Amino acid sequence: MRPIVLELPGDLADALCVPVPEQEARLRHEMAIRLYEKELLSFGKARELAGLSKVDRI
């Protein structure tokens, strides 16, 4: 698997209405939902992206 690194400009990261310690997890979760909705990821892969186990829900 090749990693993809997404860098956000500081002002954009600061503009997120999410506490800094929660930003990465929240962005992963939001990306997973959107990519699944657009049928770009399967449900299982979206769950994996979001860091959820098989019993967790998105």
C-alpha atoms as a PDB file:
ATOM      1  CA  MET A   1       0.000   0.000   0.000  1.00  0.00           C
ATOM      2  CA  ARG A   2       1.327   3.418  -0.847  1.00  0.00           C
ATOM      3  CA  PRO A   3       0.532   6.187   1.611  1.00  0.00           C
ATOM      4  CA  ILE A   4      -1.069   9.413   0.509  1.00  0.00           C
ATOM      5  CA  VAL A   5      -0.139  12.488   2.510  1.00  0.00           C
ATOM      6  CA  LEU A   6      -2.573  15.382   2.491  1.00  0.00           C
ATOM      7  CA  GLU A   7      -1.203  18.673   3.765  1.00  0.00           C
ATOM      8  CA  LEU A   8      -3.537  21.469   4.777  1.00  0.00           C
ATOM      9  CA  PRO A   9      -2.365  25.074   4.912  1.00  0.00           C
ATOM     10  CA  GLY A  10      -2.214  26.340   8.492  1.00  0.00           C
ATOM     11  CA  ASP A  11      -5.054  28.799   8.018  1.00  0.00           C
ATOM     12  CA  LEU A  12      -7.324  26.052   6.699  1.00  0.00           C
ATOM     13  CA  ALA A  13      -6.451  23.721   9.566  1.00  0.00           C
ATOM     14  CA  ASP A  14      -7.094  26.607  11.979  1.00  0.00           C
ATOM     15  CA  ALA A  15     -10.476  27.242  10.352  1.00  0.00           C
ATOM     16  CA  LEU A  16     -11.715  23.720  11.125  1.00  0.00           C
ATOM     17  CA  CYS A  17     -14.273  23.815  13.906  1.00  0.00           C
ATOM     18  CA  VAL A  18     -12.749  20.678  15.416  1.00  0.00           C
ATOM     19  CA  PRO A  19     -10.287  20.528  18.322  1.00  0.00           C
ATOM     20  CA  VAL A  20      -6.715  19.959  17.074  1.00  0.00           C
ATOM     21  CA  PRO A  21      -6.328  16.519  18.744  1.00  0.00           C
ATOM     22  CA  GLU A  22      -9.477  15.313  16.923  1.00  0.00           C
ATOM     23  CA  GLN A  23      -8.778  16.787  13.468  1.00  0.00           C
ATOM     24  CA  GLU A  24      -7.073  13.805  11.802  1.00  0.00           C
ATOM     25  CA  ALA A  25      -9.653  11.276  12.987  1.00  0.00           C
ATOM     26  CA  ARG A  26     -12.524  13.588  12.048  1.00  0.00           C
ATOM     27  CA  LEU A  27     -11.120  14.256   8.571  1.00  0.00           C
ATOM     28  CA  ARG A  28     -10.607  10.525   7.992  1.00  0.00           C
ATOM     29  CA  HIS A  29     -14.193   9.876   9.080  1.00  0.00           C
ATOM     30  CA  GLU A  30     -15.611  12.631   6.855  1.00  0.00           C
ATOM     31  CA  MET A  31     -13.540  11.460   3.863  1.00  0.00           C
ATOM     32  CA  ALA A  32     -14.666   7.879   4.404  1.00  0.00           C
ATOM     33  CA  ILE A  33     -18.333   8.879   4.424  1.00  0.00           C
ATOM     34  CA  ARG A  34     -18.045  11.006   1.290  1.00  0.00           C
ATOM     35  CA  LEU A  35     -16.000   8.476  -0.683  1.00  0.00           C
ATOM     36  CA  TYR A  36     -18.507   5.755   0.212  1.00  0.00           C
ATOM     37  CA  GLU A  37     -21.452   7.989  -0.796  1.00  0.00           C
ATOM     38  CA  LYS A  38     -19.789   8.683  -4.144  1.00  0.00           C
ATOM     39  CA  GLU A  39     -19.215   4.901  -4.565  1.00  0.00           C
ATOM     40  CA  LEU A  40     -15.450   5.446  -4.709  1.00  0.00           C
ATOM     41  CA  LEU A  41     -14.854   3.116  -1.742  1.00  0.00           C
ATOM     42  CA  SER A  42     -16.622   0.004  -0.574  1.00  0.00           C
ATOM     43  CA  PHE A  43     -18.232   0.091   2.862  1.00  0.00           C
ATOM     44  CA  GLY A  44     -15.449  -2.087   4.288  1.00  0.00           C
ATOM     45  CA  LYS A  45     -12.684   0.132   2.895  1.00  0.00           C
ATOM     46  CA  ALA A  46     -14.490   3.280   4.065  1.00  0.00           C
ATOM     47  CA  ARG A  47     -14.717   1.775   7.532  1.00  0.00           C
ATOM     48  CA  GLU A  48     -10.991   0.973   7.362  1.00  0.00           C
ATOM     49  CA  LEU A  49     -10.172   4.548   6.299  1.00  0.00           C
ATOM     50  CA  ALA A  50     -12.220   5.884   9.197  1.00  0.00           C
ATOM     51  CA  GLY A  51     -10.342   3.583  11.586  1.00  0.00           C
ATOM     52  CA  LEU A  52     -13.462   1.721  12.626  1.00  0.00           C
ATOM     53  CA  SER A  53     -13.816  -1.958  13.480  1.00  0.00           C
ATOM     54  CA  LYS A  54     -16.393  -4.242  11.874  1.00  0.00           C
ATOM     55  CA  VAL A  55     -18.849  -3.638  14.724  1.00  0.00           C
ATOM     56  CA  ASP A  56     -18.549   0.179  14.582  1.00  0.00           C
ATOM     57  CA  ARG A  57     -20.835   2.178  12.309  1.00  0.00           C
ATOM     58  CA  ILE A  58     -19.869   5.107  10.122  1.00  0.00           C
END
